[in-house]
């Protein structure tokens, strides 16, 4: 269990993009909801393809249908999860007057990372991330790509300097994972730590 002194965020924006690693994002969604966190969920067009390819999961095209599907799947309380379309500019996450407490882009494609680094806001994911940076809120990006080009690395450095947390999807193995789910939980645990959300996904280093 994490011992962070930070309060649990009231609301976290979670964005799923077209990088490989959709299992990370959905497990994170499950854990956030289980912890009582309110979640604003966004996902890109490419995320539809990755979810189907990696998990045989069809992401609903309509936000209302996605809310119903994930609320039932993760047994969320009514109103705890809200899903917004990529061009829903009236969503709370689109304005600095009503920002979430934190935002995670997981998995984060190199295209999304580059757009955020350049300050673009052509869709709701990019705008929500831009709001986090300008308002000084926690922004965690979970890129999943290899190898990394100089452009990728420079974009990550630019975002880190702007205050974002770059948390690559690089799982450790010192906890001796026995299944893919253990590997997924390792990374999700690191993300939850950044958000100050308590969890029991894995034992702490140095503790039995």
N, C-alpha and C. Protein backbone atom coordinates (compact mmCIF):
# COMPACT_ATOMS: atom_id res chain seq x y z
N UNK A 1 0.85 -1.19 0.00
CA UNK A 1 0.00 0.00 0.00
C UNK A 1 0.89 1.24 0.00
N UNK A 2 0.52 2.21 -0.84
CA UNK A 2 1.32 3.42 -0.91
C UNK A 2 1.14 4.25 0.35
N UNK A 3 2.19 4.97 0.74
CA UNK A 3 2.15 5.80 1.93
C UNK A 3 2.27 7.27 1.57
N UNK A 4 1.82 7.62 0.37
CA UNK A 4 1.92 9.01 -0.08
C UNK A 4 1.11 9.92 0.84
N UNK A 5 1.69 11.11 1.12
CA UNK A 5 1.00 12.09 1.95
C UNK A 5 0.05 12.96 1.14
N UNK A 6 0.10 12.81 -0.19
CA UNK A 6 -0.76 13.60 -1.04
C UNK A 6 -2.19 13.07 -0.97
N UNK A 7 -3.19 13.96 -1.02
CA UNK A 7 -4.58 13.49 -1.01
C UNK A 7 -4.92 12.79 -2.32
N UNK A 8 -5.84 11.86 -2.26
CA UNK A 8 -6.29 11.20 -3.47
C UNK A 8 -6.97 12.22 -4.38
N UNK A 9 -6.58 12.28 -5.64
CA UNK A 9 -7.21 13.25 -6.54
C UNK A 9 -8.72 13.01 -6.61
N UNK A 10 -9.47 14.08 -6.63
CA UNK A 10 -10.92 13.94 -6.75
C UNK A 10 -11.30 13.49 -8.15
N UNK A 11 -10.60 14.03 -9.13
CA UNK A 11 -10.92 13.70 -10.53
C UNK A 11 -9.62 13.52 -11.31
N UNK A 12 -9.56 12.46 -12.08
CA UNK A 12 -8.41 12.20 -12.95
C UNK A 12 -8.92 12.04 -14.38
N UNK A 13 -8.29 12.74 -15.30
CA UNK A 13 -8.58 12.54 -16.72
C UNK A 13 -7.65 11.44 -17.23
N UNK A 14 -8.23 10.44 -17.87
CA UNK A 14 -7.45 9.34 -18.44
C UNK A 14 -7.68 9.31 -19.94
N UNK A 15 -6.59 9.40 -20.70
CA UNK A 15 -6.68 9.35 -22.16
C UNK A 15 -5.98 8.10 -22.68
N UNK A 16 -6.65 7.39 -23.57
CA UNK A 16 -6.10 6.22 -24.23
C UNK A 16 -5.80 6.60 -25.67
N UNK A 17 -4.57 6.38 -26.13
CA UNK A 17 -4.23 6.71 -27.51
C UNK A 17 -3.74 5.47 -28.24
N UNK A 18 -3.16 5.66 -29.41
CA UNK A 18 -2.91 4.55 -30.30
C UNK A 18 -1.61 3.81 -30.14
N UNK A 19 -0.91 3.99 -29.02
CA UNK A 19 0.31 3.21 -28.78
C UNK A 19 -0.07 1.82 -28.29
N UNK A 20 0.84 0.89 -28.44
CA UNK A 20 0.62 -0.44 -27.88
C UNK A 20 0.64 -0.35 -26.36
N UNK A 21 -0.13 -1.22 -25.71
CA UNK A 21 -0.18 -1.22 -24.25
C UNK A 21 -1.55 -0.84 -23.72
N UNK A 22 -2.61 -1.18 -24.45
CA UNK A 22 -3.95 -0.82 -24.01
C UNK A 22 -4.30 -1.46 -22.67
N UNK A 23 -3.70 -2.60 -22.37
CA UNK A 23 -3.97 -3.27 -21.09
C UNK A 23 -3.57 -2.39 -19.91
N UNK A 24 -2.52 -1.59 -20.08
CA UNK A 24 -2.11 -0.67 -19.02
C UNK A 24 -3.21 0.35 -18.74
N UNK A 25 -3.73 0.95 -19.80
CA UNK A 25 -4.73 1.98 -19.64
C UNK A 25 -6.01 1.48 -19.01
N UNK A 26 -6.47 0.32 -19.44
CA UNK A 26 -7.73 -0.20 -18.91
C UNK A 26 -7.58 -0.71 -17.48
N UNK A 27 -6.42 -1.26 -17.15
CA UNK A 27 -6.19 -1.68 -15.77
C UNK A 27 -6.11 -0.44 -14.87
N UNK A 28 -5.51 0.63 -15.38
CA UNK A 28 -5.46 1.87 -14.62
C UNK A 28 -6.86 2.41 -14.39
N UNK A 29 -7.70 2.37 -15.41
CA UNK A 29 -9.09 2.80 -15.27
C UNK A 29 -9.79 2.00 -14.18
N UNK A 30 -9.61 0.70 -14.21
CA UNK A 30 -10.22 -0.17 -13.21
C UNK A 30 -9.78 0.20 -11.80
N UNK A 31 -8.47 0.43 -11.63
CA UNK A 31 -7.94 0.73 -10.30
C UNK A 31 -8.38 2.10 -9.80
N UNK A 32 -8.44 3.07 -10.68
CA UNK A 32 -8.89 4.40 -10.28
C UNK A 32 -10.34 4.37 -9.81
N UNK A 33 -11.19 3.68 -10.55
CA UNK A 33 -12.59 3.58 -10.17
C UNK A 33 -12.74 2.82 -8.86
N UNK A 34 -11.97 1.75 -8.69
CA UNK A 34 -12.04 0.97 -7.45
C UNK A 34 -11.59 1.78 -6.25
N UNK A 35 -10.69 2.77 -6.48
CA UNK A 35 -10.20 3.62 -5.41
C UNK A 35 -11.13 4.79 -5.10
N UNK A 36 -12.23 4.88 -5.83
CA UNK A 36 -13.19 5.94 -5.59
C UNK A 36 -12.91 7.23 -6.32
N UNK A 37 -11.95 7.22 -7.23
CA UNK A 37 -11.60 8.43 -7.98
C UNK A 37 -12.62 8.64 -9.10
N UNK A 38 -13.02 9.87 -9.30
CA UNK A 38 -13.84 10.22 -10.45
C UNK A 38 -12.95 10.27 -11.69
N UNK A 39 -13.41 9.70 -12.79
CA UNK A 39 -12.58 9.62 -13.99
C UNK A 39 -13.30 10.23 -15.18
N UNK A 40 -12.56 11.08 -15.90
CA UNK A 40 -12.99 11.57 -17.21
C UNK A 40 -12.19 10.80 -18.25
N UNK A 41 -12.85 9.99 -19.05
CA UNK A 41 -12.17 9.11 -20.00
C UNK A 41 -12.27 9.67 -21.42
N UNK A 42 -11.11 9.72 -22.09
CA UNK A 42 -11.02 10.14 -23.48
C UNK A 42 -10.26 9.07 -24.24
N UNK A 43 -10.59 8.85 -25.49
CA UNK A 43 -9.75 7.96 -26.30
C UNK A 43 -9.78 8.36 -27.76
N UNK A 44 -8.63 8.14 -28.40
CA UNK A 44 -8.44 8.57 -29.78
C UNK A 44 -9.00 7.54 -30.75
N UNK A 45 -9.06 7.92 -32.02
CA UNK A 45 -9.52 7.00 -33.05
C UNK A 45 -8.60 5.80 -33.16
N UNK A 46 -7.29 6.05 -33.05
CA UNK A 46 -6.33 4.94 -33.14
C UNK A 46 -6.46 3.98 -31.97
N UNK A 47 -6.95 4.46 -30.83
CA UNK A 47 -7.13 3.59 -29.67
C UNK A 47 -8.14 2.49 -29.96
N UNK A 48 -9.12 2.79 -30.82
CA UNK A 48 -10.10 1.77 -31.22
C UNK A 48 -9.38 0.58 -31.85
N UNK A 49 -8.43 0.87 -32.72
CA UNK A 49 -7.72 -0.18 -33.45
C UNK A 49 -6.85 -1.00 -32.50
N UNK A 50 -6.14 -0.32 -31.62
CA UNK A 50 -5.25 -1.01 -30.68
C UNK A 50 -6.04 -1.88 -29.72
N UNK A 51 -7.15 -1.36 -29.21
CA UNK A 51 -7.97 -2.14 -28.27
C UNK A 51 -8.49 -3.41 -28.91
N UNK A 52 -8.89 -3.31 -30.16
CA UNK A 52 -9.40 -4.49 -30.87
C UNK A 52 -8.28 -5.48 -31.16
N UNK A 53 -7.12 -4.97 -31.57
CA UNK A 53 -6.00 -5.83 -31.93
C UNK A 53 -5.41 -6.53 -30.71
N UNK A 54 -5.23 -5.80 -29.61
CA UNK A 54 -4.54 -6.35 -28.45
C UNK A 54 -5.45 -7.09 -27.47
N UNK A 55 -6.69 -6.61 -27.34
CA UNK A 55 -7.57 -7.16 -26.31
C UNK A 55 -8.88 -7.71 -26.86
N UNK A 56 -9.04 -7.63 -28.18
CA UNK A 56 -10.30 -8.02 -28.82
C UNK A 56 -11.47 -7.27 -28.18
N UNK A 57 -11.23 -6.00 -27.88
CA UNK A 57 -12.22 -5.15 -27.23
C UNK A 57 -12.66 -4.07 -28.21
N UNK A 58 -13.96 -3.95 -28.39
CA UNK A 58 -14.51 -2.90 -29.24
C UNK A 58 -14.88 -1.70 -28.39
N UNK A 59 -14.20 -0.60 -28.59
CA UNK A 59 -14.53 0.63 -27.87
C UNK A 59 -15.73 1.29 -28.55
N UNK A 60 -16.78 1.58 -27.82
CA UNK A 60 -17.97 2.19 -28.42
C UNK A 60 -17.63 3.53 -29.07
N UNK A 61 -18.28 3.82 -30.18
CA UNK A 61 -18.05 5.08 -30.86
C UNK A 61 -18.71 6.24 -30.12
N UNK A 62 -19.81 5.96 -29.42
CA UNK A 62 -20.53 7.00 -28.71
C UNK A 62 -20.11 7.04 -27.25
N UNK A 63 -19.93 8.26 -26.76
CA UNK A 63 -19.49 8.43 -25.37
C UNK A 63 -20.49 7.84 -24.39
N UNK A 64 -21.78 8.02 -24.64
CA UNK A 64 -22.80 7.51 -23.72
C UNK A 64 -22.75 5.99 -23.63
N UNK A 65 -22.49 5.33 -24.76
CA UNK A 65 -22.40 3.87 -24.76
C UNK A 65 -21.15 3.41 -24.01
N UNK A 66 -20.06 4.16 -24.17
CA UNK A 66 -18.83 3.81 -23.47
C UNK A 66 -19.00 3.96 -21.96
N UNK A 67 -19.68 5.00 -21.55
CA UNK A 67 -19.95 5.19 -20.12
C UNK A 67 -20.70 4.00 -19.54
N UNK A 68 -21.72 3.57 -20.24
CA UNK A 68 -22.52 2.44 -19.77
C UNK A 68 -21.68 1.17 -19.73
N UNK A 69 -20.89 0.95 -20.78
CA UNK A 69 -20.09 -0.28 -20.87
C UNK A 69 -19.06 -0.37 -19.75
N UNK A 70 -18.30 0.71 -19.54
CA UNK A 70 -17.23 0.66 -18.54
C UNK A 70 -17.76 0.81 -17.12
N UNK A 71 -18.86 1.52 -16.95
CA UNK A 71 -19.47 1.60 -15.62
C UNK A 71 -19.91 0.22 -15.16
N UNK A 72 -20.53 -0.54 -16.06
CA UNK A 72 -20.96 -1.89 -15.73
C UNK A 72 -19.77 -2.83 -15.57
N UNK A 73 -18.79 -2.71 -16.46
CA UNK A 73 -17.64 -3.61 -16.43
C UNK A 73 -16.84 -3.49 -15.14
N UNK A 74 -16.69 -2.26 -14.64
CA UNK A 74 -15.86 -2.03 -13.45
C UNK A 74 -16.69 -1.68 -12.21
N UNK A 75 -17.99 -1.85 -12.32
CA UNK A 75 -18.87 -1.65 -11.18
C UNK A 75 -18.68 -0.28 -10.54
N UNK A 76 -18.60 0.74 -11.38
CA UNK A 76 -18.43 2.11 -10.90
C UNK A 76 -19.76 2.63 -10.37
N UNK A 77 -19.68 3.58 -9.46
CA UNK A 77 -20.89 4.18 -8.94
C UNK A 77 -21.47 5.13 -9.99
N UNK A 78 -22.76 5.39 -9.95
CA UNK A 78 -23.38 6.29 -10.94
C UNK A 78 -22.69 7.65 -10.97
N UNK A 79 -22.34 8.08 -12.16
CA UNK A 79 -21.71 9.39 -12.33
C UNK A 79 -20.23 9.44 -12.06
N UNK A 80 -19.65 8.32 -11.60
CA UNK A 80 -18.21 8.32 -11.28
C UNK A 80 -17.36 8.40 -12.54
N UNK A 81 -17.84 7.79 -13.61
CA UNK A 81 -17.10 7.78 -14.88
C UNK A 81 -17.87 8.59 -15.91
N UNK A 82 -17.14 9.50 -16.56
CA UNK A 82 -17.71 10.26 -17.67
C UNK A 82 -16.79 10.11 -18.87
N UNK A 83 -17.37 9.89 -20.02
CA UNK A 83 -16.61 9.71 -21.25
C UNK A 83 -16.96 10.85 -22.20
N UNK A 84 -15.93 11.39 -22.85
CA UNK A 84 -16.13 12.51 -23.76
C UNK A 84 -15.53 12.21 -25.12
N UNK A 85 -16.20 12.69 -26.17
CA UNK A 85 -15.71 12.53 -27.53
C UNK A 85 -14.52 13.43 -27.81
N UNK A 86 -13.81 13.11 -28.88
CA UNK A 86 -12.55 13.81 -29.17
C UNK A 86 -12.75 15.28 -29.52
N UNK A 87 -13.97 15.67 -29.87
CA UNK A 87 -14.23 17.07 -30.21
C UNK A 87 -15.35 17.65 -29.35
N UNK A 88 -15.49 17.13 -28.15
CA UNK A 88 -16.49 17.65 -27.22
C UNK A 88 -15.87 18.82 -26.46
N UNK A 89 -15.92 19.98 -27.08
CA UNK A 89 -15.24 21.15 -26.52
C UNK A 89 -15.96 21.75 -25.32
N UNK A 90 -17.15 21.25 -25.00
CA UNK A 90 -17.84 21.69 -23.79
C UNK A 90 -17.54 20.78 -22.61
N UNK A 91 -16.66 19.80 -22.78
CA UNK A 91 -16.26 18.92 -21.68
C UNK A 91 -15.48 19.73 -20.65
N UNK A 92 -15.60 19.39 -19.36
CA UNK A 92 -14.87 20.13 -18.32
C UNK A 92 -13.37 20.18 -18.56
N UNK A 93 -12.82 19.12 -19.13
CA UNK A 93 -11.36 19.03 -19.31
C UNK A 93 -10.83 20.01 -20.34
N UNK A 94 -11.73 20.64 -21.11
CA UNK A 94 -11.30 21.56 -22.16
C UNK A 94 -10.98 22.95 -21.65
N UNK A 95 -11.27 23.22 -20.38
CA UNK A 95 -11.09 24.57 -19.87
C UNK A 95 -10.29 24.60 -18.58
N UNK A 96 -9.44 25.60 -18.48
CA UNK A 96 -8.68 25.79 -17.26
C UNK A 96 -9.53 26.24 -16.09
N UNK A 97 -10.78 26.61 -16.35
CA UNK A 97 -11.68 27.00 -15.27
C UNK A 97 -12.26 25.80 -14.53
N UNK A 98 -12.08 24.60 -15.10
CA UNK A 98 -12.62 23.39 -14.47
C UNK A 98 -11.73 22.19 -14.76
N UNK A 99 -10.43 22.32 -14.45
CA UNK A 99 -9.51 21.23 -14.79
C UNK A 99 -9.62 20.07 -13.82
N UNK A 100 -9.21 18.90 -14.27
CA UNK A 100 -9.11 17.75 -13.38
C UNK A 100 -7.93 17.97 -12.43
N UNK A 101 -7.87 17.16 -11.38
CA UNK A 101 -6.74 17.26 -10.45
C UNK A 101 -5.46 16.73 -11.08
N UNK A 102 -5.61 15.78 -12.01
CA UNK A 102 -4.45 15.19 -12.68
C UNK A 102 -4.92 14.56 -13.98
N UNK A 103 -3.96 14.30 -14.85
CA UNK A 103 -4.27 13.64 -16.12
C UNK A 103 -3.19 12.63 -16.44
N UNK A 104 -3.62 11.50 -16.99
CA UNK A 104 -2.69 10.46 -17.44
C UNK A 104 -3.02 10.11 -18.89
N UNK A 105 -2.01 10.08 -19.74
CA UNK A 105 -2.19 9.57 -21.10
C UNK A 105 -1.50 8.21 -21.15
N UNK A 106 -2.28 7.16 -21.21
CA UNK A 106 -1.75 5.80 -21.08
C UNK A 106 -2.60 4.81 -21.89
N UNK A 107 -2.04 4.21 -22.92
CA UNK A 107 -0.70 4.45 -23.45
C UNK A 107 -0.66 5.76 -24.24
N UNK A 108 0.53 6.31 -24.35
CA UNK A 108 0.72 7.57 -25.06
C UNK A 108 1.52 7.34 -26.33
N UNK A 109 0.90 7.60 -27.46
CA UNK A 109 1.59 7.45 -28.73
C UNK A 109 2.60 8.57 -28.92
N UNK A 110 3.57 8.35 -29.80
CA UNK A 110 4.55 9.38 -30.08
C UNK A 110 3.92 10.58 -30.77
N UNK A 111 2.84 10.33 -31.53
CA UNK A 111 2.14 11.43 -32.17
C UNK A 111 1.46 12.33 -31.16
N UNK A 112 0.80 11.72 -30.18
CA UNK A 112 0.16 12.51 -29.13
C UNK A 112 1.20 13.25 -28.31
N UNK A 113 2.29 12.56 -27.97
CA UNK A 113 3.35 13.17 -27.19
C UNK A 113 3.92 14.38 -27.93
N UNK A 114 4.13 14.25 -29.23
CA UNK A 114 4.68 15.35 -30.01
C UNK A 114 3.71 16.53 -30.05
N UNK A 115 2.42 16.23 -30.20
CA UNK A 115 1.42 17.30 -30.26
C UNK A 115 1.36 18.06 -28.94
N UNK A 116 1.40 17.34 -27.82
CA UNK A 116 1.38 18.00 -26.52
C UNK A 116 2.64 18.83 -26.32
N UNK A 117 3.78 18.28 -26.73
CA UNK A 117 5.05 19.00 -26.59
C UNK A 117 5.06 20.29 -27.40
N UNK A 118 4.35 20.27 -28.53
CA UNK A 118 4.31 21.44 -29.39
C UNK A 118 3.21 22.43 -29.00
N UNK A 119 2.42 22.08 -27.98
CA UNK A 119 1.36 22.97 -27.53
C UNK A 119 0.15 22.97 -28.43
N UNK A 120 -0.03 21.91 -29.21
CA UNK A 120 -1.19 21.82 -30.08
C UNK A 120 -2.43 21.44 -29.28
N UNK A 121 -3.58 21.74 -29.82
CA UNK A 121 -4.83 21.41 -29.15
C UNK A 121 -5.90 21.14 -30.20
N UNK A 122 -5.58 20.25 -31.14
CA UNK A 122 -6.48 19.97 -32.25
C UNK A 122 -7.59 19.00 -31.88
N UNK A 123 -7.47 18.33 -30.73
CA UNK A 123 -8.54 17.45 -30.26
C UNK A 123 -8.61 17.56 -28.74
N UNK A 124 -9.57 16.90 -28.14
CA UNK A 124 -9.80 17.08 -26.70
C UNK A 124 -8.66 16.53 -25.86
N UNK A 125 -8.02 15.45 -26.31
CA UNK A 125 -6.89 14.89 -25.54
C UNK A 125 -5.76 15.91 -25.47
N UNK A 126 -5.41 16.47 -26.61
CA UNK A 126 -4.32 17.46 -26.64
C UNK A 126 -4.68 18.70 -25.84
N UNK A 127 -5.92 19.16 -25.95
CA UNK A 127 -6.34 20.35 -25.21
C UNK A 127 -6.33 20.09 -23.71
N UNK A 128 -6.81 18.91 -23.29
CA UNK A 128 -6.83 18.58 -21.87
C UNK A 128 -5.41 18.56 -21.30
N UNK A 129 -4.47 18.01 -22.06
CA UNK A 129 -3.08 17.98 -21.62
C UNK A 129 -2.50 19.39 -21.56
N UNK A 130 -2.85 20.21 -22.53
CA UNK A 130 -2.39 21.60 -22.54
C UNK A 130 -2.91 22.35 -21.32
N UNK A 131 -4.15 22.07 -20.93
CA UNK A 131 -4.73 22.69 -19.74
C UNK A 131 -3.95 22.29 -18.49
N UNK A 132 -3.59 21.01 -18.40
CA UNK A 132 -2.83 20.55 -17.23
C UNK A 132 -1.51 21.31 -17.10
N UNK A 133 -0.82 21.48 -18.21
CA UNK A 133 0.47 22.15 -18.17
C UNK A 133 0.32 23.62 -17.80
N UNK A 134 -0.63 24.28 -18.42
CA UNK A 134 -0.76 25.72 -18.17
C UNK A 134 -1.29 26.02 -16.77
N UNK A 135 -2.04 25.07 -16.20
CA UNK A 135 -2.59 25.26 -14.86
C UNK A 135 -1.69 24.70 -13.76
N UNK A 136 -0.56 24.12 -14.17
CA UNK A 136 0.37 23.57 -13.20
C UNK A 136 -0.14 22.34 -12.49
N UNK A 137 -0.98 21.54 -13.18
CA UNK A 137 -1.52 20.30 -12.61
C UNK A 137 -0.66 19.11 -13.04
N UNK A 138 -0.84 18.01 -12.34
CA UNK A 138 -0.06 16.80 -12.65
C UNK A 138 -0.46 16.23 -14.00
N UNK A 139 0.52 16.05 -14.87
CA UNK A 139 0.33 15.41 -16.16
C UNK A 139 1.33 14.27 -16.29
N UNK A 140 0.83 13.05 -16.44
CA UNK A 140 1.68 11.86 -16.56
C UNK A 140 1.49 11.28 -17.94
N UNK A 141 2.59 11.13 -18.67
CA UNK A 141 2.54 10.51 -19.99
C UNK A 141 3.25 9.17 -19.94
N UNK A 142 2.61 8.15 -20.49
CA UNK A 142 3.15 6.78 -20.47
C UNK A 142 3.41 6.35 -21.91
N UNK A 143 4.57 6.76 -22.47
CA UNK A 143 4.88 6.39 -23.85
C UNK A 143 5.28 4.93 -23.96
N UNK A 144 4.93 4.33 -25.09
CA UNK A 144 5.30 2.93 -25.33
C UNK A 144 5.79 2.87 -26.77
N UNK A 145 7.10 2.91 -26.94
CA UNK A 145 7.71 2.87 -28.27
C UNK A 145 9.14 2.40 -28.12
N UNK A 146 9.65 1.73 -29.13
CA UNK A 146 11.06 1.33 -29.14
C UNK A 146 11.47 0.96 -30.56
N UNK A 147 12.67 1.35 -31.00
CA UNK A 147 13.59 2.26 -30.31
C UNK A 147 13.05 3.69 -30.37
N UNK A 148 13.69 4.58 -29.62
CA UNK A 148 13.29 5.97 -29.58
C UNK A 148 14.21 6.81 -30.45
N UNK A 149 13.61 7.64 -31.28
CA UNK A 149 14.41 8.53 -32.12
C UNK A 149 14.83 9.77 -31.33
N UNK A 150 15.73 10.55 -31.90
CA UNK A 150 16.14 11.81 -31.27
C UNK A 150 14.93 12.72 -31.11
N UNK A 151 14.03 12.71 -32.08
CA UNK A 151 12.82 13.55 -32.00
C UNK A 151 11.97 13.14 -30.81
N UNK A 152 11.79 11.82 -30.63
CA UNK A 152 11.02 11.32 -29.48
C UNK A 152 11.64 11.80 -28.17
N UNK A 153 12.94 11.63 -28.06
CA UNK A 153 13.65 11.98 -26.83
C UNK A 153 13.60 13.49 -26.56
N UNK A 154 13.74 14.28 -27.60
CA UNK A 154 13.68 15.73 -27.43
C UNK A 154 12.30 16.18 -27.01
N UNK A 155 11.26 15.53 -27.56
CA UNK A 155 9.90 15.87 -27.15
C UNK A 155 9.66 15.51 -25.68
N UNK A 156 10.18 14.38 -25.26
CA UNK A 156 10.04 13.99 -23.85
C UNK A 156 10.76 14.96 -22.93
N UNK A 157 11.96 15.37 -23.33
CA UNK A 157 12.71 16.32 -22.52
C UNK A 157 11.99 17.66 -22.44
N UNK A 158 11.43 18.08 -23.55
CA UNK A 158 10.68 19.34 -23.56
C UNK A 158 9.49 19.28 -22.61
N UNK A 159 8.78 18.16 -22.60
CA UNK A 159 7.63 18.01 -21.71
C UNK A 159 8.06 17.91 -20.24
N UNK A 160 9.16 17.20 -20.00
CA UNK A 160 9.66 17.09 -18.62
C UNK A 160 10.04 18.48 -18.09
N UNK A 161 10.64 19.27 -18.92
CA UNK A 161 11.01 20.64 -18.51
C UNK A 161 9.78 21.50 -18.28
N UNK A 162 8.68 21.17 -18.96
CA UNK A 162 7.43 21.92 -18.79
C UNK A 162 6.65 21.46 -17.57
N UNK A 163 7.14 20.40 -16.91
CA UNK A 163 6.49 19.95 -15.69
C UNK A 163 5.77 18.62 -15.77
N UNK A 164 5.75 18.00 -16.94
CA UNK A 164 5.08 16.71 -17.09
C UNK A 164 5.96 15.59 -16.53
N UNK A 165 5.33 14.50 -16.14
CA UNK A 165 6.04 13.30 -15.70
C UNK A 165 6.07 12.32 -16.87
N UNK A 166 7.27 11.94 -17.28
CA UNK A 166 7.43 10.95 -18.34
C UNK A 166 7.66 9.60 -17.69
N UNK A 167 6.69 8.71 -17.82
CA UNK A 167 6.73 7.41 -17.16
C UNK A 167 6.61 6.32 -18.23
N UNK A 168 7.73 5.96 -18.87
CA UNK A 168 7.67 4.98 -19.96
C UNK A 168 7.12 3.64 -19.51
N UNK A 169 6.51 2.94 -20.43
CA UNK A 169 5.95 1.62 -20.13
C UNK A 169 7.08 0.59 -20.10
N UNK A 170 7.93 0.72 -19.07
CA UNK A 170 9.08 -0.17 -18.90
C UNK A 170 8.91 -0.94 -17.59
N UNK A 171 8.29 -2.09 -17.62
CA UNK A 171 8.07 -2.84 -16.37
C UNK A 171 9.35 -3.43 -15.82
N UNK A 172 9.41 -3.53 -14.49
CA UNK A 172 10.52 -4.21 -13.85
C UNK A 172 10.19 -5.68 -13.65
N UNK A 173 11.18 -6.46 -13.24
CA UNK A 173 10.96 -7.90 -13.07
C UNK A 173 11.49 -8.41 -11.74
N UNK A 174 11.89 -7.47 -10.86
CA UNK A 174 12.41 -7.91 -9.57
C UNK A 174 11.31 -8.47 -8.67
N UNK A 175 10.05 -8.22 -9.02
CA UNK A 175 8.96 -8.78 -8.22
C UNK A 175 8.57 -10.19 -8.71
N UNK A 176 9.34 -10.70 -9.66
CA UNK A 176 9.17 -12.06 -10.17
C UNK A 176 7.74 -12.32 -10.67
N UNK A 177 7.35 -11.61 -11.72
CA UNK A 177 5.99 -11.77 -12.24
C UNK A 177 5.74 -13.19 -12.74
N UNK A 178 4.54 -13.68 -12.47
CA UNK A 178 4.16 -15.02 -12.88
C UNK A 178 3.20 -15.02 -14.06
N UNK A 179 2.69 -13.84 -14.39
CA UNK A 179 1.73 -13.72 -15.48
C UNK A 179 1.83 -12.32 -16.08
N UNK A 180 1.25 -12.16 -17.28
CA UNK A 180 1.25 -10.85 -17.93
C UNK A 180 0.56 -9.82 -17.03
N UNK A 181 -0.46 -10.23 -16.32
CA UNK A 181 -1.17 -9.30 -15.44
C UNK A 181 -0.26 -8.72 -14.36
N UNK A 182 0.72 -9.51 -13.91
CA UNK A 182 1.68 -9.01 -12.92
C UNK A 182 2.56 -7.92 -13.51
N UNK A 183 2.92 -8.07 -14.77
CA UNK A 183 3.73 -7.07 -15.46
C UNK A 183 2.93 -5.78 -15.65
N UNK A 184 1.67 -5.94 -16.03
CA UNK A 184 0.79 -4.78 -16.18
C UNK A 184 0.64 -4.05 -14.85
N UNK A 185 0.42 -4.80 -13.78
CA UNK A 185 0.21 -4.18 -12.47
C UNK A 185 1.44 -3.44 -11.97
N UNK A 186 2.63 -3.90 -12.34
CA UNK A 186 3.85 -3.20 -11.94
C UNK A 186 3.82 -1.76 -12.44
N UNK A 187 3.49 -1.60 -13.72
CA UNK A 187 3.49 -0.26 -14.29
C UNK A 187 2.33 0.57 -13.75
N UNK A 188 1.17 -0.03 -13.65
CA UNK A 188 0.01 0.69 -13.14
C UNK A 188 0.26 1.17 -11.71
N UNK A 189 0.96 0.36 -10.93
CA UNK A 189 1.30 0.76 -9.56
C UNK A 189 2.15 2.03 -9.55
N UNK A 190 3.09 2.12 -10.49
CA UNK A 190 3.94 3.31 -10.57
C UNK A 190 3.12 4.56 -10.93
N UNK A 191 2.13 4.38 -11.80
CA UNK A 191 1.27 5.50 -12.18
C UNK A 191 0.43 5.95 -10.99
N UNK A 192 -0.15 4.98 -10.28
CA UNK A 192 -0.97 5.31 -9.12
C UNK A 192 -0.14 6.03 -8.05
N UNK A 193 1.12 5.63 -7.91
CA UNK A 193 2.00 6.32 -6.97
C UNK A 193 2.15 7.78 -7.34
N UNK A 194 2.30 8.06 -8.62
CA UNK A 194 2.43 9.44 -9.08
C UNK A 194 1.18 10.26 -8.78
N UNK A 195 0.03 9.60 -8.78
CA UNK A 195 -1.24 10.28 -8.54
C UNK A 195 -1.58 10.37 -7.06
N UNK A 196 -0.81 9.66 -6.23
CA UNK A 196 -1.12 9.64 -4.81
C UNK A 196 -2.33 8.80 -4.48
N UNK A 197 -2.61 7.80 -5.31
CA UNK A 197 -3.75 6.92 -5.10
C UNK A 197 -3.28 5.63 -4.44
N UNK A 198 -3.89 5.28 -3.33
CA UNK A 198 -3.49 4.09 -2.60
C UNK A 198 -3.83 2.82 -3.40
N UNK A 199 -2.97 1.84 -3.25
CA UNK A 199 -3.19 0.57 -3.95
C UNK A 199 -2.44 -0.54 -3.24
N UNK A 200 -2.77 -1.76 -3.61
CA UNK A 200 -2.09 -2.94 -3.10
C UNK A 200 -1.74 -3.87 -4.26
N UNK A 201 -1.28 -3.28 -5.34
CA UNK A 201 -1.00 -4.07 -6.55
C UNK A 201 0.25 -4.92 -6.42
N UNK A 202 1.21 -4.46 -5.60
CA UNK A 202 2.44 -5.22 -5.45
C UNK A 202 3.14 -4.82 -4.17
N UNK A 203 4.03 -5.67 -3.70
CA UNK A 203 4.76 -5.38 -2.47
C UNK A 203 5.79 -4.28 -2.71
N UNK A 204 6.05 -3.48 -1.67
CA UNK A 204 7.04 -2.43 -1.75
C UNK A 204 8.45 -3.01 -1.61
N UNK A 205 9.38 -2.37 -2.30
CA UNK A 205 10.79 -2.79 -2.21
C UNK A 205 11.25 -2.70 -0.76
N UNK A 206 11.90 -3.76 -0.29
CA UNK A 206 12.43 -3.78 1.06
C UNK A 206 11.43 -4.18 2.11
N UNK A 207 10.20 -4.50 1.67
CA UNK A 207 9.19 -4.93 2.62
C UNK A 207 8.79 -6.36 2.31
N UNK A 208 8.52 -7.13 3.35
CA UNK A 208 8.12 -8.52 3.14
C UNK A 208 6.62 -8.64 3.30
